[in-house]
Amino acid sequence: MIKFTNANIYRNSEANEILVKDGIIEQIGRGLPAATEEIDLKGCLVVPPYVDSHLHLDYVYTGGGDDAKNASGTLFEGIARWHDVKKTQTFEDAKSRMLKGIQEEVSKGVQYIRTHIDVCDPDLTGLKAMLELREELKDNVT
């Protein structure tokens, strides 16, 4: 059990302590029971996790190869490049890029991601990779 003290809890000026057990918030309030570990937040702001409601995880990090460079930097060229990239992407490549994108989002406080996946590929490579990742990461990000 971990107790966070001296927290500045968003939208809750009455509480300044958080009690966490096995990674799950058990209580928020004042004068909470003692815990095996106490961490003083020294007035740091505690906010709910962020939500990214519009992301294309199958597109992330596709501009790295020579065949995928977006010379103009425009959305239109990016879309055209994606048309070529998706023809040759493998399951492993798609999953690796998506994982990197998710890890970057989570490292910035995002816990909920709504992604759009291109399903024009007859093999559904991106969709299959995303579904597998969703299952693997379900305890850390939704």
C-alpha atoms as a PDB file:
ATOM      1  CA  MET A   1       0.000   0.000   0.000  1.00  0.00           C
ATOM      2  CA  ILE A   2       1.301   3.453  -0.976  1.00  0.00           C
ATOM      3  CA  LYS A   3       0.034   6.726   0.404  1.00  0.00           C
ATOM      4  CA  PHE A   4       0.623   9.923  -1.567  1.00  0.00           C
ATOM      5  CA  THR A   5       0.494  12.997   0.657  1.00  0.00           C
ATOM      6  CA  ASN A   6       0.424  16.753   0.065  1.00  0.00           C
ATOM      7  CA  ALA A   7      -1.250  16.323  -3.309  1.00  0.00           C
ATOM      8  CA  ASN A   8      -2.998  19.144  -5.134  1.00  0.00           C
ATOM      9  CA  ILE A   9      -5.890  17.107  -6.503  1.00  0.00           C
ATOM     10  CA  TYR A  10      -7.648  18.582  -9.532  1.00  0.00           C
ATOM     11  CA  ARG A  11     -11.202  19.695  -8.701  1.00  0.00           C
ATOM     12  CA  ASN A  12     -10.982  18.429  -5.116  1.00  0.00           C
ATOM     13  CA  SER A  13      -9.739  21.054  -2.688  1.00  0.00           C
ATOM     14  CA  GLU A  14     -10.969  18.985   0.286  1.00  0.00           C
ATOM     15  CA  ALA A  15      -8.602  16.061  -0.309  1.00  0.00           C
ATOM     16  CA  ASN A  16      -4.809  15.991  -0.304  1.00  0.00           C
ATOM     17  CA  GLU A  17      -4.000  12.287   0.116  1.00  0.00           C
ATOM     18  CA  ILE A  18      -4.314   9.282  -2.171  1.00  0.00           C
ATOM     19  CA  LEU A  19      -4.121   5.666  -1.028  1.00  0.00           C
ATOM     20  CA  VAL A  20      -3.049   3.148  -3.699  1.00  0.00           C
ATOM     21  CA  LYS A  21      -3.073  -0.643  -3.416  1.00  0.00           C
ATOM     22  CA  ASP A  22      -1.714  -2.866  -6.184  1.00  0.00           C
ATOM     23  CA  GLY A  23      -1.711   0.073  -8.613  1.00  0.00           C
ATOM     24  CA  ILE A  24      -5.371   0.920  -7.975  1.00  0.00           C
ATOM     25  CA  ILE A  25      -6.589   4.023  -6.158  1.00  0.00           C
ATOM     26  CA  GLU A  26      -8.407   2.817  -3.048  1.00  0.00           C
ATOM     27  CA  GLN A  27      -9.199   6.161  -1.381  1.00  0.00           C
ATOM     28  CA  ILE A  28      -8.854   9.893  -1.877  1.00  0.00           C
ATOM     29  CA  GLY A  29      -9.251  12.209   1.091  1.00  0.00           C
ATOM     30  CA  ARG A  30      -7.613  13.619   4.231  1.00  0.00           C
ATOM     31  CA  GLY A  31      -6.261  11.717   7.211  1.00  0.00           C
ATOM     32  CA  LEU A  32      -6.189   8.402   5.364  1.00  0.00           C
ATOM     33  CA  PRO A  33      -4.756   5.301   7.075  1.00  0.00           C
ATOM     34  CA  ALA A  34      -0.999   4.781   7.202  1.00  0.00           C
ATOM     35  CA  ALA A  35       0.639   2.779   4.416  1.00  0.00           C
ATOM     36  CA  THR A  36       3.818   0.760   3.975  1.00  0.00           C
ATOM     37  CA  GLU A  37       5.231   3.563   1.819  1.00  0.00           C
ATOM     38  CA  GLU A  38       4.487   7.271   1.833  1.00  0.00           C
ATOM     39  CA  ILE A  39       5.403   9.655  -0.961  1.00  0.00           C
ATOM     40  CA  ASP A  40       5.221  13.410  -0.414  1.00  0.00           C
ATOM     41  CA  LEU A  41       4.005  15.067  -3.634  1.00  0.00           C
ATOM     42  CA  LYS A  42       4.920  18.517  -2.240  1.00  0.00           C
ATOM     43  CA  GLY A  43       1.855  20.184  -3.727  1.00  0.00           C
ATOM     44  CA  CYS A  44       2.184  18.698  -7.211  1.00  0.00           C
ATOM     45  CA  LEU A  45      -0.996  18.689  -9.255  1.00  0.00           C
ATOM     46  CA  VAL A  46      -2.734  15.327  -9.690  1.00  0.00           C
ATOM     47  CA  VAL A  47      -5.075  15.151 -12.705  1.00  0.00           C
ATOM     48  CA  PRO A  48      -7.074  12.424 -14.440  1.00  0.00           C
ATOM     49  CA  PRO A  49      -5.285  10.702 -17.340  1.00  0.00           C
ATOM     50  CA  TYR A  50      -5.464  12.276 -20.760  1.00  0.00           C
ATOM     51  CA  VAL A  51      -7.580  10.932 -23.618  1.00  0.00           C
ATOM     52  CA  ASP A  52      -6.417  10.922 -27.245  1.00  0.00           C
ATOM     53  CA  SER A  53      -9.694  10.593 -29.111  1.00  0.00           C
ATOM     54  CA  HIS A  54      -8.348  10.717 -32.668  1.00  0.00           C
ATOM     55  CA  LEU A  55      -5.199   8.860 -33.616  1.00  0.00           C
ATOM     56  CA  HIS A  56      -4.154   6.674 -36.561  1.00  0.00           C
ATOM     57  CA  LEU A  57      -1.811   4.226 -34.841  1.00  0.00           C
ATOM     58  CA  ASP A  58      -1.253   2.266 -38.047  1.00  0.00           C
ATOM     59  CA  TYR A  59       0.257   5.405 -39.644  1.00  0.00           C
ATOM     60  CA  VAL A  60       2.699   6.329 -36.860  1.00  0.00           C
ATOM     61  CA  TYR A  61       6.392   6.266 -37.750  1.00  0.00           C
ATOM     62  CA  THR A  62       5.746   5.319 -41.384  1.00  0.00           C
ATOM     63  CA  GLY A  63       7.719   8.254 -42.763  1.00  0.00           C
ATOM     64  CA  GLY A  64      11.134   6.864 -41.859  1.00  0.00           C
ATOM     65  CA  GLY A  65      11.996   4.832 -44.940  1.00  0.00           C
ATOM     66  CA  ASP A  66      13.194   6.331 -48.212  1.00  0.00           C
ATOM     67  CA  ASP A  67      10.054   5.066 -49.954  1.00  0.00           C
ATOM     68  CA  ALA A  68       7.871   6.864 -47.429  1.00  0.00           C
ATOM     69  CA  LYS A  69       9.498  10.298 -47.124  1.00  0.00           C
ATOM     70  CA  ASN A  70       7.041  13.184 -47.210  1.00  0.00           C
ATOM     71  CA  ALA A  71       9.157  15.795 -49.003  1.00  0.00           C
ATOM     72  CA  SER A  72       6.514  18.534 -48.965  1.00  0.00           C
ATOM     73  CA  GLY A  73       5.368  17.864 -45.406  1.00  0.00           C
ATOM     74  CA  THR A  74       1.734  18.194 -46.492  1.00  0.00           C
ATOM     75  CA  LEU A  75      -1.159  16.030 -45.423  1.00  0.00           C
ATOM     76  CA  PHE A  76      -1.933  15.220 -49.048  1.00  0.00           C
ATOM     77  CA  GLU A  77       1.540  13.843 -49.730  1.00  0.00           C
ATOM     78  CA  GLY A  78       1.454  11.973 -46.424  1.00  0.00           C
ATOM     79  CA  ILE A  79      -1.772  10.253 -47.471  1.00  0.00           C
ATOM     80  CA  ALA A  80      -0.292   9.398 -50.864  1.00  0.00           C
ATOM     81  CA  ARG A  81       2.840   7.964 -49.232  1.00  0.00           C
ATOM     82  CA  TRP A  82       0.715   5.859 -46.853  1.00  0.00           C
ATOM     83  CA  HIS A  83      -1.011   4.288 -49.850  1.00  0.00           C
ATOM     84  CA  ASP A  84       2.399   2.897 -50.931  1.00  0.00           C
ATOM     85  CA  VAL A  85       3.666   2.034 -47.446  1.00  0.00           C
ATOM     86  CA  LYS A  86       0.664  -0.072 -46.444  1.00  0.00           C
ATOM     87  CA  LYS A  87       1.198  -2.373 -49.425  1.00  0.00           C
ATOM     88  CA  THR A  88       4.467  -3.652 -47.988  1.00  0.00           C
ATOM     89  CA  GLN A  89       4.000  -3.379 -44.217  1.00  0.00           C
ATOM     90  CA  THR A  90       4.357  -6.578 -42.264  1.00  0.00           C
ATOM     91  CA  PHE A  91       2.481  -7.563 -39.129  1.00  0.00           C
ATOM     92  CA  GLU A  92       5.693  -7.231 -37.099  1.00  0.00           C
ATOM     93  CA  ASP A  93       6.461  -3.772 -38.518  1.00  0.00           C
ATOM     94  CA  ALA A  94       2.915  -2.523 -37.918  1.00  0.00           C
ATOM     95  CA  LYS A  95       2.850  -3.868 -34.363  1.00  0.00           C
ATOM     96  CA  SER A  96       6.282  -2.446 -33.549  1.00  0.00           C
ATOM     97  CA  ARG A  97       5.377   1.037 -34.813  1.00  0.00           C
ATOM     98  CA  MET A  98       2.023   1.011 -33.025  1.00  0.00           C
ATOM     99  CA  LEU A  99       3.668  -0.070 -29.773  1.00  0.00           C
ATOM    100  CA  LYS A 100       6.192   2.754 -30.054  1.00  0.00           C
ATOM    101  CA  GLY A 101       3.347   5.219 -30.632  1.00  0.00           C
ATOM    102  CA  ILE A 102       1.374   3.914 -27.652  1.00  0.00           C
ATOM    103  CA  GLN A 103       4.429   4.029 -25.403  1.00  0.00           C
ATOM    104  CA  GLU A 104       5.033   7.642 -26.402  1.00  0.00           C
ATOM    105  CA  GLU A 105       1.404   8.563 -25.672  1.00  0.00           C
ATOM    106  CA  VAL A 106       1.425   6.815 -22.276  1.00  0.00           C
ATOM    107  CA  SER A 107       4.716   8.488 -21.322  1.00  0.00           C
ATOM    108  CA  LYS A 108       2.932  11.855 -21.695  1.00  0.00           C
ATOM    109  CA  GLY A 109      -0.025  10.893 -19.476  1.00  0.00           C
ATOM    110  CA  VAL A 110      -2.452   9.438 -22.027  1.00  0.00           C
ATOM    111  CA  GLN A 111      -4.315   6.409 -20.710  1.00  0.00           C
ATOM    112  CA  TYR A 112      -7.210   6.227 -23.162  1.00  0.00           C
ATOM    113  CA  ILE A 113      -6.630   6.067 -26.926  1.00  0.00           C
ATOM    114  CA  ARG A 114      -9.254   5.926 -29.652  1.00  0.00           C
ATOM    115  CA  THR A 115      -7.489   4.858 -32.815  1.00  0.00           C
ATOM    116  CA  HIS A 116      -8.594   4.550 -36.414  1.00  0.00           C
ATOM    117  CA  ILE A 117      -7.144   1.670 -38.418  1.00  0.00           C
ATOM    118  CA  ASP A 118      -7.078   1.393 -42.217  1.00  0.00           C
ATOM    119  CA  VAL A 119      -9.082  -1.695 -43.193  1.00  0.00           C
ATOM    120  CA  CYS A 120      -8.568  -1.393 -46.969  1.00  0.00           C
ATOM    121  CA  ASP A 121      -5.722  -3.920 -46.778  1.00  0.00           C
ATOM    122  CA  PRO A 122      -7.308  -7.276 -47.709  1.00  0.00           C
ATOM    123  CA  ASP A 123      -5.140  -9.031 -45.079  1.00  0.00           C
ATOM    124  CA  LEU A 124      -6.171  -6.528 -42.358  1.00  0.00           C
ATOM    125  CA  THR A 125      -2.530  -6.387 -41.226  1.00  0.00           C
ATOM    126  CA  GLY A 126      -2.888  -3.205 -39.182  1.00  0.00           C
ATOM    127  CA  LEU A 127      -6.142  -4.267 -37.583  1.00  0.00           C
ATOM    128  CA  LYS A 128      -4.756  -7.640 -36.535  1.00  0.00           C
ATOM    129  CA  ALA A 129      -1.647  -6.018 -35.059  1.00  0.00           C
ATOM    130  CA  MET A 130      -3.766  -3.462 -33.175  1.00  0.00           C
ATOM    131  CA  LEU A 131      -6.100  -6.082 -31.742  1.00  0.00           C
ATOM    132  CA  GLU A 132      -3.136  -8.096 -30.486  1.00  0.00           C
ATOM    133  CA  LEU A 133      -1.565  -5.012 -28.889  1.00  0.00           C
ATOM    134  CA  ARG A 134      -4.874  -4.013 -27.302  1.00  0.00           C
ATOM    135  CA  GLU A 135      -4.986  -7.358 -25.531  1.00  0.00           C
ATOM    136  CA  GLU A 136      -1.310  -7.227 -24.480  1.00  0.00           C
ATOM    137  CA  LEU A 137      -1.555  -3.684 -23.072  1.00  0.00           C
ATOM    138  CA  LYS A 138      -5.053  -3.803 -21.571  1.00  0.00           C
ATOM    139  CA  ASP A 139      -3.786  -3.422 -17.998  1.00  0.00           C
ATOM    140  CA  ASN A 140      -1.962  -0.159 -18.799  1.00  0.00           C
ATOM    141  CA  VAL A 141      -3.913   1.668 -21.479  1.00  0.00           C
ATOM    142  CA  THR A 142      -7.403   1.473 -22.923  1.00  0.00           C
END
